[in-house]
Amino acid sequence: EPSSRNHAMRQALTQWLDRQEEQGGMTHPDVLRQHFHAAYTSLRSGQDAVAIHRLRHLLNWPSERFDAVLEQLRAEFQVALHVGEPSDLSDEQRRHSYEVNGQLYLRLAWQD
């Protein structure tokens, strides 16, 4: 029972923090895209594509937010997603890549 109470408290805190971010404009779509692009740029190191799992780690957003921003950028043709060899990644890195419609994408490149 104590663990379920702790879980409920963590959930309540997460929801409160999300509301605070919304009120402060931190989750406005343009702001999120700017943060996403800045993270991409910081990881790029002269390469066109960066590992999606590294972006997730750097941004440290909830999965739903990361996936929503990524999908929006993809729908607007701002980013191109690339498949790769998943066996080159650890289980955690594969989990933190991006899977949609049964396709696992490992890297993304910004379409300038």
C-alpha atoms as a PDB file:
ATOM      1  CA  GLU A   1       0.000   0.000   0.000  1.00  0.00           C
ATOM      2  CA  PRO A   2       2.753   2.581   0.708  1.00  0.00           C
ATOM      3  CA  SER A   3       4.124   2.087  -2.800  1.00  0.00           C
ATOM      4  CA  SER A   4       0.709   2.778  -4.355  1.00  0.00           C
ATOM      5  CA  ARG A   5       0.428   5.931  -2.243  1.00  0.00           C
ATOM      6  CA  ASN A   6       3.889   7.000  -3.421  1.00  0.00           C
ATOM      7  CA  HIS A   7       2.867   6.277  -6.988  1.00  0.00           C
ATOM      8  CA  ALA A   8      -0.273   8.416  -6.599  1.00  0.00           C
ATOM      9  CA  MET A   9       1.794  11.257  -5.113  1.00  0.00           C
ATOM     10  CA  ARG A  10       4.305  11.068  -7.990  1.00  0.00           C
ATOM     11  CA  GLN A  11       1.459  11.144 -10.518  1.00  0.00           C
ATOM     12  CA  ALA A  12      -0.128  14.149  -8.806  1.00  0.00           C
ATOM     13  CA  LEU A  13       3.213  15.955  -8.765  1.00  0.00           C
ATOM     14  CA  THR A  14       3.808  15.180 -12.443  1.00  0.00           C
ATOM     15  CA  GLN A  15       0.374  16.514 -13.367  1.00  0.00           C
ATOM     16  CA  TRP A  16       0.944  19.648 -11.311  1.00  0.00           C
ATOM     17  CA  LEU A  17       4.329  20.242 -12.952  1.00  0.00           C
ATOM     18  CA  ASP A  18       2.794  19.745 -16.410  1.00  0.00           C
ATOM     19  CA  ARG A  19       0.125  22.359 -15.608  1.00  0.00           C
ATOM     20  CA  GLN A  20       2.797  24.763 -14.382  1.00  0.00           C
ATOM     21  CA  GLU A  21       4.747  24.293 -17.626  1.00  0.00           C
ATOM     22  CA  GLU A  22       1.604  24.901 -19.682  1.00  0.00           C
ATOM     23  CA  GLN A  23       0.823  28.081 -17.780  1.00  0.00           C
ATOM     24  CA  GLY A  24       4.397  29.277 -18.237  1.00  0.00           C
ATOM     25  CA  GLY A  25       4.309  28.622 -21.975  1.00  0.00           C
ATOM     26  CA  MET A  26       6.865  25.822 -21.709  1.00  0.00           C
ATOM     27  CA  THR A  27       4.671  23.381 -23.632  1.00  0.00           C
ATOM     28  CA  HIS A  28       3.602  25.718 -26.427  1.00  0.00           C
ATOM     29  CA  PRO A  29       4.207  23.813 -29.706  1.00  0.00           C
ATOM     30  CA  ASP A  30       6.649  26.416 -31.052  1.00  0.00           C
ATOM     31  CA  VAL A  31       8.663  26.350 -27.824  1.00  0.00           C
ATOM     32  CA  LEU A  32       8.761  22.545 -27.851  1.00  0.00           C
ATOM     33  CA  ARG A  33       9.943  22.530 -31.483  1.00  0.00           C
ATOM     34  CA  GLN A  34      12.671  25.045 -30.630  1.00  0.00           C
ATOM     35  CA  HIS A  35      13.863  22.870 -27.744  1.00  0.00           C
ATOM     36  CA  PHE A  36      13.750  19.780 -29.966  1.00  0.00           C
ATOM     37  CA  HIS A  37      15.784  21.513 -32.697  1.00  0.00           C
ATOM     38  CA  ALA A  38      18.303  22.837 -30.164  1.00  0.00           C
ATOM     39  CA  ALA A  39      18.788  19.330 -28.764  1.00  0.00           C
ATOM     40  CA  TYR A  40      19.195  17.931 -32.295  1.00  0.00           C
ATOM     41  CA  THR A  41      21.775  20.603 -33.120  1.00  0.00           C
ATOM     42  CA  SER A  42      23.742  19.947 -29.938  1.00  0.00           C
ATOM     43  CA  LEU A  43      23.973  16.214 -30.727  1.00  0.00           C
ATOM     44  CA  ARG A  44      24.665  16.548 -34.431  1.00  0.00           C
ATOM     45  CA  SER A  45      28.485  16.760 -34.323  1.00  0.00           C
ATOM     46  CA  GLY A  46      28.825  17.291 -38.073  1.00  0.00           C
ATOM     47  CA  GLN A  47      26.498  14.414 -38.936  1.00  0.00           C
ATOM     48  CA  ASP A  48      23.130  14.837 -40.601  1.00  0.00           C
ATOM     49  CA  ALA A  49      21.276  12.276 -38.502  1.00  0.00           C
ATOM     50  CA  VAL A  50      21.255  11.793 -34.748  1.00  0.00           C
ATOM     51  CA  ALA A  51      20.161   8.832 -32.672  1.00  0.00           C
ATOM     52  CA  ILE A  52      16.583   9.227 -31.482  1.00  0.00           C
ATOM     53  CA  HIS A  53      17.368   7.559 -28.158  1.00  0.00           C
ATOM     54  CA  ARG A  54      20.006  10.229 -27.507  1.00  0.00           C
ATOM     55  CA  LEU A  55      17.477  12.989 -28.203  1.00  0.00           C
ATOM     56  CA  ARG A  56      15.003  11.399 -25.798  1.00  0.00           C
ATOM     57  CA  HIS A  57      17.672  11.193 -23.122  1.00  0.00           C
ATOM     58  CA  LEU A  58      18.818  14.786 -23.610  1.00  0.00           C
ATOM     59  CA  LEU A  59      15.318  16.292 -23.635  1.00  0.00           C
ATOM     60  CA  ASN A  60      14.094  14.055 -20.794  1.00  0.00           C
ATOM     61  CA  TRP A  61      10.451  14.683 -21.731  1.00  0.00           C
ATOM     62  CA  PRO A  62       7.595  12.315 -21.028  1.00  0.00           C
ATOM     63  CA  SER A  63       7.350   9.789 -23.873  1.00  0.00           C
ATOM     64  CA  GLU A  64       3.958  11.109 -24.946  1.00  0.00           C
ATOM     65  CA  ARG A  65       5.304  14.652 -25.352  1.00  0.00           C
ATOM     66  CA  PHE A  66       8.429  13.543 -27.214  1.00  0.00           C
ATOM     67  CA  ASP A  67       6.422  11.311 -29.573  1.00  0.00           C
ATOM     68  CA  ALA A  68       3.813  14.030 -30.204  1.00  0.00           C
ATOM     69  CA  VAL A  69       6.444  16.632 -31.085  1.00  0.00           C
ATOM     70  CA  LEU A  70       8.346  14.153 -33.255  1.00  0.00           C
ATOM     71  CA  GLU A  71       5.166  13.124 -35.075  1.00  0.00           C
ATOM     72  CA  GLN A  72       4.214  16.761 -35.649  1.00  0.00           C
ATOM     73  CA  LEU A  73       7.676  17.530 -37.059  1.00  0.00           C
ATOM     74  CA  ARG A  74       7.415  14.451 -39.258  1.00  0.00           C
ATOM     75  CA  ALA A  75       3.942  15.438 -40.520  1.00  0.00           C
ATOM     76  CA  GLU A  76       5.272  18.907 -41.382  1.00  0.00           C
ATOM     77  CA  PHE A  77       8.263  17.358 -43.215  1.00  0.00           C
ATOM     78  CA  GLN A  78      10.660  19.077 -40.812  1.00  0.00           C
ATOM     79  CA  VAL A  79      12.482  15.826 -40.019  1.00  0.00           C
ATOM     80  CA  ALA A  80      13.248  12.618 -41.867  1.00  0.00           C
ATOM     81  CA  LEU A  81      13.299   9.368 -39.926  1.00  0.00           C
ATOM     82  CA  HIS A  82      15.810   6.631 -40.715  1.00  0.00           C
ATOM     83  CA  VAL A  83      15.804   2.942 -39.965  1.00  0.00           C
ATOM     84  CA  GLY A  84      18.968   1.157 -39.004  1.00  0.00           C
ATOM     85  CA  GLU A  85      20.236  -2.080 -37.613  1.00  0.00           C
ATOM     86  CA  PRO A  86      18.528  -2.520 -34.238  1.00  0.00           C
ATOM     87  CA  SER A  87      20.941  -5.282 -33.257  1.00  0.00           C
ATOM     88  CA  ASP A  88      23.621  -2.579 -32.922  1.00  0.00           C
ATOM     89  CA  LEU A  89      21.678  -1.072 -30.005  1.00  0.00           C
ATOM     90  CA  SER A  90      21.048  -2.147 -26.442  1.00  0.00           C
ATOM     91  CA  ASP A  91      17.518  -3.069 -25.384  1.00  0.00           C
ATOM     92  CA  GLU A  92      17.152   0.307 -23.667  1.00  0.00           C
ATOM     93  CA  GLN A  93      18.347   2.198 -26.741  1.00  0.00           C
ATOM     94  CA  ARG A  94      15.836   0.301 -28.901  1.00  0.00           C
ATOM     95  CA  ARG A  95      13.035   1.088 -26.432  1.00  0.00           C
ATOM     96  CA  HIS A  96      13.955   4.770 -26.577  1.00  0.00           C
ATOM     97  CA  SER A  97      14.034   4.907 -30.362  1.00  0.00           C
ATOM     98  CA  TYR A  98      10.771   5.580 -32.226  1.00  0.00           C
ATOM     99  CA  GLU A  99       8.395   2.901 -33.437  1.00  0.00           C
ATOM    100  CA  VAL A 100       5.343   3.644 -35.558  1.00  0.00           C
ATOM    101  CA  ASN A 101       3.207   1.251 -37.594  1.00  0.00           C
ATOM    102  CA  GLY A 102       5.586  -1.617 -36.811  1.00  0.00           C
ATOM    103  CA  GLN A 103       8.627   0.252 -38.171  1.00  0.00           C
ATOM    104  CA  LEU A 104      11.492   1.046 -35.788  1.00  0.00           C
ATOM    105  CA  TYR A 105      13.269   4.311 -36.539  1.00  0.00           C
ATOM    106  CA  LEU A 106      16.671   4.803 -34.963  1.00  0.00           C
ATOM    107  CA  ARG A 107      17.863   8.156 -36.294  1.00  0.00           C
ATOM    108  CA  LEU A 108      16.431  11.418 -37.532  1.00  0.00           C
ATOM    109  CA  ALA A 109      17.729  14.248 -39.657  1.00  0.00           C
ATOM    110  CA  TRP A 110      16.417  17.786 -39.823  1.00  0.00           C
ATOM    111  CA  GLN A 111      15.247  18.842 -43.270  1.00  0.00           C
ATOM    112  CA  ASP A 112      16.811  22.283 -43.745  1.00  0.00           C
END
